Amino acid sequence: MKKVLSGITLAASLLLSSVSAQAGTTQSAVGCGIGTMIFDGSTGLLYSLLAMTTNSSTFNTVSMTLGLGNCPSGASLRGKIASFIDFNKPQLAVEIAQGKGERLSALVEMFGVKESDRAAAVLALKANQVAIFSHQSAEAIQDEMSKTLQAYVS
């Protein structure tokens, strides 16, 4: 039994070392966040796992939303919109179906829709509601909304 366990351990360590040699930097592997800052410049699977765990346990979405933790500037706005969608998903679905509401107005403004085009943008979201909310994740919903609103964004 001991020999089998040592063989498994040896195989796992060889696998990890070969994967570690091929893994890129922590930033490119796991994105932005506190963990990425802590393990900056480190390479390998172990550091990527540690950074990913630290990012997820220290609210990576908050880092992106507030523009903290070496997140790119575009991630900040994208993170804000994703958080907004995530927290307001049921209410947004209702407001989009109705074509009016405070959350819907705020969302359209967050996407950067020109004021003169907001009514048309809301109608476009209403027309595509089924496609938009056929997704579960806030990011997928955001991507679908971005496609719908691209003609109205300044």
N, C-alpha and C. Protein backbone atom coordinates (compact mmCIF):
# COMPACT_ATOMS: atom_id res chain seq x y z
N MET A 1 0.82 -1.18 0.00
CA MET A 1 0.00 0.00 0.00
C MET A 1 0.87 1.27 0.00
N LYS A 2 1.98 1.20 0.79
CA LYS A 2 2.86 2.35 0.85
C LYS A 2 3.53 2.62 -0.49
N LYS A 3 3.88 1.53 -1.21
CA LYS A 3 4.52 1.70 -2.52
C LYS A 3 3.55 2.32 -3.52
N VAL A 4 2.29 1.93 -3.47
CA VAL A 4 1.29 2.49 -4.38
C VAL A 4 1.11 3.98 -4.11
N LEU A 5 1.01 4.33 -2.82
CA LEU A 5 0.85 5.73 -2.45
C LEU A 5 2.06 6.56 -2.86
N SER A 6 3.30 6.02 -2.67
CA SER A 6 4.48 6.76 -3.11
C SER A 6 4.54 6.90 -4.61
N GLY A 7 4.08 5.88 -5.34
CA GLY A 7 4.06 5.96 -6.80
C GLY A 7 3.10 7.02 -7.28
N ILE A 8 1.93 7.10 -6.64
CA ILE A 8 0.94 8.13 -7.01
C ILE A 8 1.49 9.51 -6.70
N THR A 9 2.13 9.66 -5.56
CA THR A 9 2.72 10.95 -5.18
C THR A 9 3.80 11.37 -6.17
N LEU A 10 4.66 10.43 -6.54
CA LEU A 10 5.72 10.71 -7.50
C LEU A 10 5.14 11.13 -8.85
N ALA A 11 4.13 10.39 -9.32
CA ALA A 11 3.50 10.72 -10.61
C ALA A 11 2.85 12.09 -10.57
N ALA A 12 2.19 12.40 -9.45
CA ALA A 12 1.54 13.71 -9.32
C ALA A 12 2.57 14.83 -9.31
N SER A 13 3.68 14.63 -8.60
CA SER A 13 4.70 15.67 -8.55
C SER A 13 5.36 15.88 -9.91
N LEU A 14 5.58 14.80 -10.65
CA LEU A 14 6.14 14.93 -12.00
C LEU A 14 5.17 15.68 -12.92
N LEU A 15 3.90 15.35 -12.80
CA LEU A 15 2.88 16.02 -13.62
C LEU A 15 2.84 17.50 -13.28
N LEU A 16 2.82 17.82 -11.99
CA LEU A 16 2.78 19.22 -11.59
C LEU A 16 4.01 19.98 -12.04
N SER A 17 5.17 19.37 -11.94
CA SER A 17 6.39 20.07 -12.36
C SER A 17 6.42 20.30 -13.86
N SER A 18 5.90 19.36 -14.64
CA SER A 18 5.88 19.57 -16.09
C SER A 18 4.86 20.62 -16.47
N VAL A 19 3.71 20.63 -15.79
CA VAL A 19 2.71 21.66 -16.06
C VAL A 19 3.23 23.01 -15.61
N SER A 20 3.92 23.04 -14.47
CA SER A 20 4.46 24.30 -13.95
C SER A 20 5.46 24.91 -14.91
N ALA A 21 6.25 24.08 -15.55
CA ALA A 21 7.25 24.59 -16.48
C ALA A 21 6.60 25.24 -17.69
N GLN A 22 5.39 24.79 -18.03
CA GLN A 22 4.72 25.32 -19.21
C GLN A 22 3.76 26.46 -18.89
N ALA A 23 3.39 26.62 -17.63
CA ALA A 23 2.42 27.65 -17.28
C ALA A 23 3.05 29.03 -17.42
N GLY A 24 2.21 30.01 -17.76
CA GLY A 24 2.69 31.38 -17.93
C GLY A 24 2.73 32.11 -16.61
N THR A 25 2.84 33.43 -16.67
CA THR A 25 2.86 34.21 -15.45
C THR A 25 1.50 34.16 -14.78
N THR A 26 1.48 34.49 -13.51
CA THR A 26 0.25 34.43 -12.73
C THR A 26 -0.82 35.34 -13.31
N GLN A 27 -0.45 36.56 -13.70
CA GLN A 27 -1.41 37.52 -14.24
C GLN A 27 -2.12 36.96 -15.47
N SER A 28 -1.39 36.38 -16.37
CA SER A 28 -2.02 35.88 -17.59
C SER A 28 -2.83 34.62 -17.32
N ALA A 29 -2.50 33.89 -16.27
CA ALA A 29 -3.20 32.65 -15.99
C ALA A 29 -4.50 32.86 -15.23
N VAL A 30 -4.53 33.79 -14.26
CA VAL A 30 -5.71 33.90 -13.41
C VAL A 30 -6.35 35.28 -13.39
N GLY A 31 -5.84 36.23 -14.13
CA GLY A 31 -6.46 37.54 -14.19
C GLY A 31 -5.97 38.48 -13.11
N CYS A 32 -6.80 39.48 -12.80
CA CYS A 32 -6.39 40.49 -11.84
C CYS A 32 -6.99 40.23 -10.47
N GLY A 33 -6.42 40.88 -9.47
CA GLY A 33 -6.91 40.74 -8.11
C GLY A 33 -5.78 40.77 -7.10
N ILE A 34 -6.14 40.65 -5.84
CA ILE A 34 -5.17 40.70 -4.75
C ILE A 34 -4.17 39.55 -4.85
N GLY A 35 -4.66 38.35 -5.14
CA GLY A 35 -3.77 37.19 -5.25
C GLY A 35 -2.74 37.36 -6.34
N THR A 36 -3.15 37.96 -7.44
CA THR A 36 -2.23 38.19 -8.54
C THR A 36 -1.15 39.19 -8.14
N MET A 37 -1.52 40.17 -7.33
CA MET A 37 -0.54 41.14 -6.85
C MET A 37 0.46 40.48 -5.91
N ILE A 38 -0.03 39.60 -5.03
CA ILE A 38 0.84 38.94 -4.07
C ILE A 38 1.85 38.04 -4.78
N PHE A 39 1.38 37.29 -5.77
CA PHE A 39 2.25 36.34 -6.47
C PHE A 39 2.73 36.88 -7.81
N ASP A 40 2.83 38.19 -7.93
CA ASP A 40 3.26 38.84 -9.16
C ASP A 40 4.64 38.34 -9.59
N GLY A 41 4.76 38.01 -10.86
CA GLY A 41 6.03 37.57 -11.41
C GLY A 41 6.32 36.10 -11.20
N SER A 42 5.50 35.43 -10.40
CA SER A 42 5.71 34.00 -10.15
C SER A 42 5.12 33.20 -11.30
N THR A 43 5.75 32.10 -11.61
CA THR A 43 5.23 31.24 -12.66
C THR A 43 4.99 29.86 -12.09
N GLY A 44 4.14 29.14 -12.75
CA GLY A 44 3.88 27.77 -12.35
C GLY A 44 2.47 27.56 -11.86
N LEU A 45 2.07 26.32 -11.90
CA LEU A 45 0.71 25.94 -11.53
C LEU A 45 0.43 26.25 -10.06
N LEU A 46 1.37 25.96 -9.19
CA LEU A 46 1.17 26.19 -7.76
C LEU A 46 0.86 27.66 -7.48
N TYR A 47 1.66 28.57 -8.05
CA TYR A 47 1.43 29.99 -7.83
C TYR A 47 0.11 30.45 -8.46
N SER A 48 -0.23 29.89 -9.60
CA SER A 48 -1.50 30.24 -10.23
C SER A 48 -2.67 29.80 -9.36
N LEU A 49 -2.58 28.61 -8.81
CA LEU A 49 -3.65 28.12 -7.92
C LEU A 49 -3.75 28.98 -6.66
N LEU A 50 -2.60 29.33 -6.09
CA LEU A 50 -2.61 30.19 -4.90
C LEU A 50 -3.20 31.57 -5.22
N ALA A 51 -2.81 32.13 -6.33
CA ALA A 51 -3.33 33.44 -6.72
C ALA A 51 -4.83 33.37 -7.00
N MET A 52 -5.26 32.32 -7.69
CA MET A 52 -6.69 32.18 -8.00
C MET A 52 -7.50 32.02 -6.72
N THR A 53 -7.00 31.22 -5.79
CA THR A 53 -7.70 31.03 -4.51
C THR A 53 -7.76 32.34 -3.74
N THR A 54 -6.67 33.07 -3.71
CA THR A 54 -6.65 34.35 -3.01
C THR A 54 -7.58 35.35 -3.69
N ASN A 55 -7.57 35.40 -5.02
CA ASN A 55 -8.47 36.30 -5.73
C ASN A 55 -9.92 36.00 -5.39
N SER A 56 -10.29 34.73 -5.44
CA SER A 56 -11.70 34.39 -5.21
C SER A 56 -12.09 34.57 -3.76
N SER A 57 -11.15 34.40 -2.83
CA SER A 57 -11.50 34.57 -1.42
C SER A 57 -11.45 36.04 -0.99
N THR A 58 -10.91 36.91 -1.82
CA THR A 58 -10.85 38.34 -1.50
C THR A 58 -11.71 39.16 -2.44
N PHE A 59 -12.77 38.58 -2.93
CA PHE A 59 -13.75 39.29 -3.72
C PHE A 59 -13.18 39.92 -4.98
N ASN A 60 -12.83 39.08 -5.93
CA ASN A 60 -12.25 39.54 -7.19
C ASN A 60 -13.18 40.51 -7.91
N THR A 61 -14.50 40.29 -7.81
CA THR A 61 -15.45 41.20 -8.46
C THR A 61 -15.33 42.59 -7.88
N VAL A 62 -15.13 42.67 -6.56
CA VAL A 62 -14.97 43.98 -5.92
C VAL A 62 -13.71 44.66 -6.44
N SER A 63 -12.64 43.88 -6.60
CA SER A 63 -11.40 44.44 -7.14
C SER A 63 -11.63 45.02 -8.52
N MET A 64 -12.36 44.29 -9.37
CA MET A 64 -12.63 44.77 -10.73
C MET A 64 -13.56 45.97 -10.69
N THR A 65 -14.58 45.92 -9.84
CA THR A 65 -15.55 47.00 -9.77
C THR A 65 -14.92 48.32 -9.35
N LEU A 66 -14.06 48.25 -8.35
CA LEU A 66 -13.44 49.46 -7.83
C LEU A 66 -12.14 49.82 -8.51
N GLY A 67 -11.71 48.98 -9.45
CA GLY A 67 -10.46 49.25 -10.15
C GLY A 67 -9.23 49.02 -9.29
N LEU A 68 -9.35 48.15 -8.31
CA LEU A 68 -8.24 47.84 -7.41
C LEU A 68 -7.52 46.60 -7.87
N GLY A 69 -6.40 46.33 -7.26
CA GLY A 69 -5.73 45.06 -7.46
C GLY A 69 -5.24 44.82 -8.87
N ASN A 70 -4.62 45.77 -9.49
CA ASN A 70 -4.01 45.70 -10.82
C ASN A 70 -4.96 45.28 -11.92
N CYS A 71 -6.25 45.54 -11.76
CA CYS A 71 -7.22 45.23 -12.81
C CYS A 71 -7.16 46.32 -13.87
N PRO A 72 -7.24 45.94 -15.16
CA PRO A 72 -7.22 46.94 -16.22
C PRO A 72 -8.42 47.88 -16.11
N SER A 73 -8.28 49.09 -16.63
CA SER A 73 -9.35 50.08 -16.51
C SER A 73 -10.65 49.60 -17.14
N GLY A 74 -10.60 48.86 -18.24
CA GLY A 74 -11.82 48.34 -18.85
C GLY A 74 -12.50 47.31 -17.98
N ALA A 75 -11.73 46.61 -17.16
CA ALA A 75 -12.31 45.60 -16.27
C ALA A 75 -13.16 46.27 -15.21
N SER A 76 -12.81 47.50 -14.84
CA SER A 76 -13.54 48.21 -13.81
C SER A 76 -14.99 48.44 -14.24
N LEU A 77 -15.21 49.02 -15.40
CA LEU A 77 -16.57 49.27 -15.89
C LEU A 77 -17.29 47.95 -16.14
N ARG A 78 -16.61 47.02 -16.77
CA ARG A 78 -17.22 45.71 -17.02
C ARG A 78 -17.61 45.03 -15.71
N GLY A 79 -16.76 45.14 -14.71
CA GLY A 79 -17.05 44.57 -13.40
C GLY A 79 -18.24 45.23 -12.73
N LYS A 80 -18.34 46.55 -12.88
CA LYS A 80 -19.47 47.28 -12.30
C LYS A 80 -20.78 46.83 -12.94
N ILE A 81 -20.78 46.72 -14.25
CA ILE A 81 -22.00 46.31 -14.96
C ILE A 81 -22.36 44.88 -14.58
N ALA A 82 -21.38 43.99 -14.53
CA ALA A 82 -21.65 42.59 -14.17
C ALA A 82 -22.20 42.49 -12.75
N SER A 83 -21.63 43.24 -11.82
CA SER A 83 -22.14 43.24 -10.44
C SER A 83 -23.55 43.78 -10.38
N PHE A 84 -23.80 44.85 -11.12
CA PHE A 84 -25.13 45.46 -11.14
C PHE A 84 -26.15 44.45 -11.68
N ILE A 85 -25.81 43.78 -12.75
CA ILE A 85 -26.72 42.78 -13.34
C ILE A 85 -26.94 41.64 -12.35
N ASP A 86 -25.87 41.18 -11.74
CA ASP A 86 -25.96 40.06 -10.81
C ASP A 86 -26.87 40.38 -9.63
N PHE A 87 -26.73 41.56 -9.05
CA PHE A 87 -27.54 41.94 -7.89
C PHE A 87 -28.99 42.29 -8.25
N ASN A 88 -29.24 42.67 -9.48
CA ASN A 88 -30.58 43.14 -9.88
C ASN A 88 -31.24 42.29 -10.95
N LYS A 89 -30.75 41.08 -11.16
CA LYS A 89 -31.21 40.27 -12.30
C LYS A 89 -32.74 40.10 -12.35
N PRO A 90 -33.42 39.69 -11.27
CA PRO A 90 -34.89 39.51 -11.38
C PRO A 90 -35.63 40.82 -11.68
N GLN A 91 -35.19 41.89 -11.02
CA GLN A 91 -35.84 43.19 -11.24
C GLN A 91 -35.57 43.72 -12.64
N LEU A 92 -34.35 43.50 -13.13
CA LEU A 92 -34.02 43.93 -14.50
C LEU A 92 -34.86 43.19 -15.53
N ALA A 93 -35.07 41.91 -15.31
CA ALA A 93 -35.90 41.13 -16.24
C ALA A 93 -37.31 41.70 -16.32
N VAL A 94 -37.85 42.07 -15.18
CA VAL A 94 -39.20 42.65 -15.15
C VAL A 94 -39.21 44.02 -15.82
N GLU A 95 -38.23 44.85 -15.47
CA GLU A 95 -38.19 46.20 -16.03
C GLU A 95 -37.94 46.19 -17.53
N ILE A 96 -37.12 45.28 -18.00
CA ILE A 96 -36.90 45.19 -19.45
C ILE A 96 -38.18 44.74 -20.14
N ALA A 97 -38.90 43.81 -19.55
CA ALA A 97 -40.18 43.36 -20.13
C ALA A 97 -41.19 44.50 -20.18
N GLN A 98 -41.18 45.37 -19.16
CA GLN A 98 -42.08 46.52 -19.12
C GLN A 98 -41.58 47.69 -19.96
N GLY A 99 -40.29 47.72 -20.22
CA GLY A 99 -39.70 48.81 -20.99
C GLY A 99 -39.49 50.08 -20.19
N LYS A 100 -39.49 49.95 -18.86
CA LYS A 100 -39.26 51.13 -18.01
C LYS A 100 -38.82 50.67 -16.63
N GLY A 101 -38.18 51.60 -15.92
CA GLY A 101 -37.75 51.33 -14.56
C GLY A 101 -36.43 51.99 -14.24
N GLU A 102 -36.22 52.20 -12.95
CA GLU A 102 -35.00 52.88 -12.49
C GLU A 102 -33.75 52.06 -12.76
N ARG A 103 -33.81 50.75 -12.50
CA ARG A 103 -32.64 49.90 -12.72
C ARG A 103 -32.30 49.83 -14.20
N LEU A 104 -33.31 49.72 -15.02
CA LEU A 104 -33.09 49.68 -16.47
C LEU A 104 -32.46 50.98 -16.96
N SER A 105 -32.95 52.11 -16.47
CA SER A 105 -32.37 53.41 -16.84
C SER A 105 -30.91 53.50 -16.42
N ALA A 106 -30.63 53.04 -15.20
CA ALA A 106 -29.25 53.07 -14.70
C ALA A 106 -28.35 52.16 -15.54
N LEU A 107 -28.85 50.99 -15.90
CA LEU A 107 -28.08 50.04 -16.69
C LEU A 107 -27.74 50.60 -18.07
N VAL A 108 -28.72 51.17 -18.73
CA VAL A 108 -28.51 51.73 -20.06
C VAL A 108 -27.49 52.87 -19.98
N GLU A 109 -27.56 53.64 -18.91
CA GLU A 109 -26.59 54.72 -18.71
C GLU A 109 -25.19 54.14 -18.47
N MET A 110 -25.10 53.07 -17.69
CA MET A 110 -23.80 52.45 -17.42
C MET A 110 -23.15 51.94 -18.70
N PHE A 111 -23.95 51.45 -19.63
CA PHE A 111 -23.43 50.96 -20.89
C PHE A 111 -22.93 52.11 -21.78
N GLY A 112 -23.30 53.35 -21.44
CA GLY A 112 -22.82 54.50 -22.21
C GLY A 112 -23.71 54.87 -23.38
N VAL A 113 -24.99 54.51 -23.29
CA VAL A 113 -25.92 54.85 -24.37
C VAL A 113 -26.21 56.35 -24.31
N LYS A 114 -26.13 56.99 -25.48
CA LYS A 114 -26.42 58.43 -25.57
C LYS A 114 -27.85 58.69 -25.12
N GLU A 115 -28.05 59.81 -24.46
CA GLU A 115 -29.38 60.13 -23.93
C GLU A 115 -30.44 60.16 -25.02
N SER A 116 -30.08 60.65 -26.19
CA SER A 116 -31.05 60.72 -27.29
C SER A 116 -31.43 59.35 -27.82
N ASP A 117 -30.60 58.32 -27.55
CA ASP A 117 -30.86 56.97 -28.05
C ASP A 117 -31.41 56.02 -26.99
N ARG A 118 -31.61 56.51 -25.77
CA ARG A 118 -31.99 55.60 -24.68
C ARG A 118 -33.35 54.94 -24.88
N ALA A 119 -34.32 55.65 -25.40
CA ALA A 119 -35.63 55.05 -25.62
C ALA A 119 -35.54 53.92 -26.64
N ALA A 120 -34.80 54.13 -27.71
CA ALA A 120 -34.62 53.08 -28.72
C ALA A 120 -33.82 51.91 -28.15
N ALA A 121 -32.85 52.20 -27.31
CA ALA A 121 -32.05 51.14 -26.70
C ALA A 121 -32.90 50.27 -25.78
N VAL A 122 -33.78 50.90 -25.02
CA VAL A 122 -34.68 50.16 -24.13
C VAL A 122 -35.61 49.27 -24.96
N LEU A 123 -36.10 49.78 -26.07
CA LEU A 123 -36.96 48.97 -26.94
C LEU A 123 -36.18 47.78 -27.53
N ALA A 124 -34.92 48.00 -27.86
CA ALA A 124 -34.09 46.91 -28.38
C ALA A 124 -33.87 45.84 -27.31
N LEU A 125 -33.61 46.26 -26.08
CA LEU A 125 -33.46 45.30 -24.98
C LEU A 125 -34.76 44.52 -24.76
N LYS A 126 -35.88 45.23 -24.83
CA LYS A 126 -37.18 44.59 -24.64
C LYS A 126 -37.43 43.55 -25.73
N ALA A 127 -37.07 43.89 -26.95
CA ALA A 127 -37.26 42.96 -28.08
C ALA A 127 -36.37 41.72 -27.95
N ASN A 128 -35.22 41.87 -27.31
CA ASN A 128 -34.27 40.75 -27.17
C ASN A 128 -34.24 40.14 -25.77
N GLN A 129 -35.26 40.39 -24.99
CA GLN A 129 -35.27 39.93 -23.60
C GLN A 129 -35.09 38.41 -23.48
N VAL A 130 -35.75 37.65 -24.32
CA VAL A 130 -35.65 36.20 -24.23
C VAL A 130 -34.21 35.74 -24.47
N ALA A 131 -33.56 36.29 -25.47
CA ALA A 131 -32.17 35.91 -25.76
C ALA A 131 -31.25 36.36 -24.62
N ILE A 132 -31.50 37.53 -24.08
CA ILE A 132 -30.64 38.07 -23.02
C ILE A 132 -30.73 37.22 -21.76
N PHE A 133 -31.94 36.92 -21.33
CA PHE A 133 -32.11 36.20 -20.07
C PHE A 133 -32.18 34.69 -20.24
N SER A 134 -31.82 34.19 -21.42
CA SER A 134 -31.68 32.75 -21.58
C SER A 134 -30.37 32.28 -20.95
N HIS A 135 -29.49 33.22 -20.63
CA HIS A 135 -28.21 32.93 -19.98
C HIS A 135 -28.38 33.02 -18.47
N GLN A 136 -27.54 32.30 -17.75
CA GLN A 136 -27.60 32.32 -16.29
C GLN A 136 -26.61 33.29 -15.66
N SER A 137 -25.40 33.33 -16.19
CA SER A 137 -24.36 34.16 -15.56
C SER A 137 -24.52 35.63 -15.94
N ALA A 138 -24.13 36.49 -15.00
CA ALA A 138 -24.20 37.93 -15.24
C ALA A 138 -23.32 38.33 -16.42
N GLU A 139 -22.17 37.65 -16.57
CA GLU A 139 -21.26 37.98 -17.67
C GLU A 139 -21.88 37.66 -19.02
N ALA A 140 -22.55 36.51 -19.11
CA ALA A 140 -23.19 36.13 -20.38
C ALA A 140 -24.36 37.06 -20.70
N ILE A 141 -25.11 37.43 -19.67
CA ILE A 141 -26.21 38.39 -19.86
C ILE A 141 -25.64 39.72 -20.32
N GLN A 142 -24.54 40.14 -19.71
CA GLN A 142 -23.90 41.40 -20.09
C GLN A 142 -23.42 41.34 -21.54
N ASP A 143 -22.84 40.23 -21.95
CA ASP A 143 -22.38 40.10 -23.33
C ASP A 143 -23.54 40.21 -24.31
N GLU A 144 -24.65 39.58 -23.98
CA GLU A 144 -25.84 39.63 -24.85
C GLU A 144 -26.40 41.06 -24.90
N MET A 145 -26.40 41.73 -23.76
CA MET A 145 -26.86 43.12 -23.73
C MET A 145 -25.93 44.02 -24.54
N SER A 146 -24.63 43.77 -24.45
CA SER A 146 -23.66 44.56 -25.22
C SER A 146 -23.92 44.44 -26.71
N LYS A 147 -24.22 43.22 -27.17
CA LYS A 147 -24.54 43.02 -28.59
C LYS A 147 -25.78 43.81 -28.98
N THR A 148 -26.78 43.79 -28.11
CA THR A 148 -28.03 44.49 -28.39
C THR A 148 -27.84 46.00 -28.41
N LEU A 149 -26.98 46.49 -27.52
CA LEU A 149 -26.83 47.94 -27.37
C LEU A 149 -25.69 48.55 -28.18
N GLN A 150 -24.93 47.74 -28.90
CA GLN A 150 -23.75 48.28 -29.58
C GLN A 150 -24.06 49.41 -30.56
N ALA A 151 -25.24 49.41 -31.17
CA ALA A 151 -25.59 50.47 -32.11
C ALA A 151 -25.90 51.78 -31.40
N TYR A 152 -26.15 51.72 -30.08
CA TYR A 152 -26.56 52.91 -29.34
C TYR A 152 -25.46 53.47 -28.44
N VAL A 153 -24.36 52.76 -28.33
CA VAL A 153 -23.28 53.19 -27.45
C VAL A 153 -22.43 54.23 -28.17
N SER A 154 -22.12 55.29 -27.44
CA SER A 154 -21.34 56.38 -28.05
C SER A 154 -19.87 56.09 -28.08
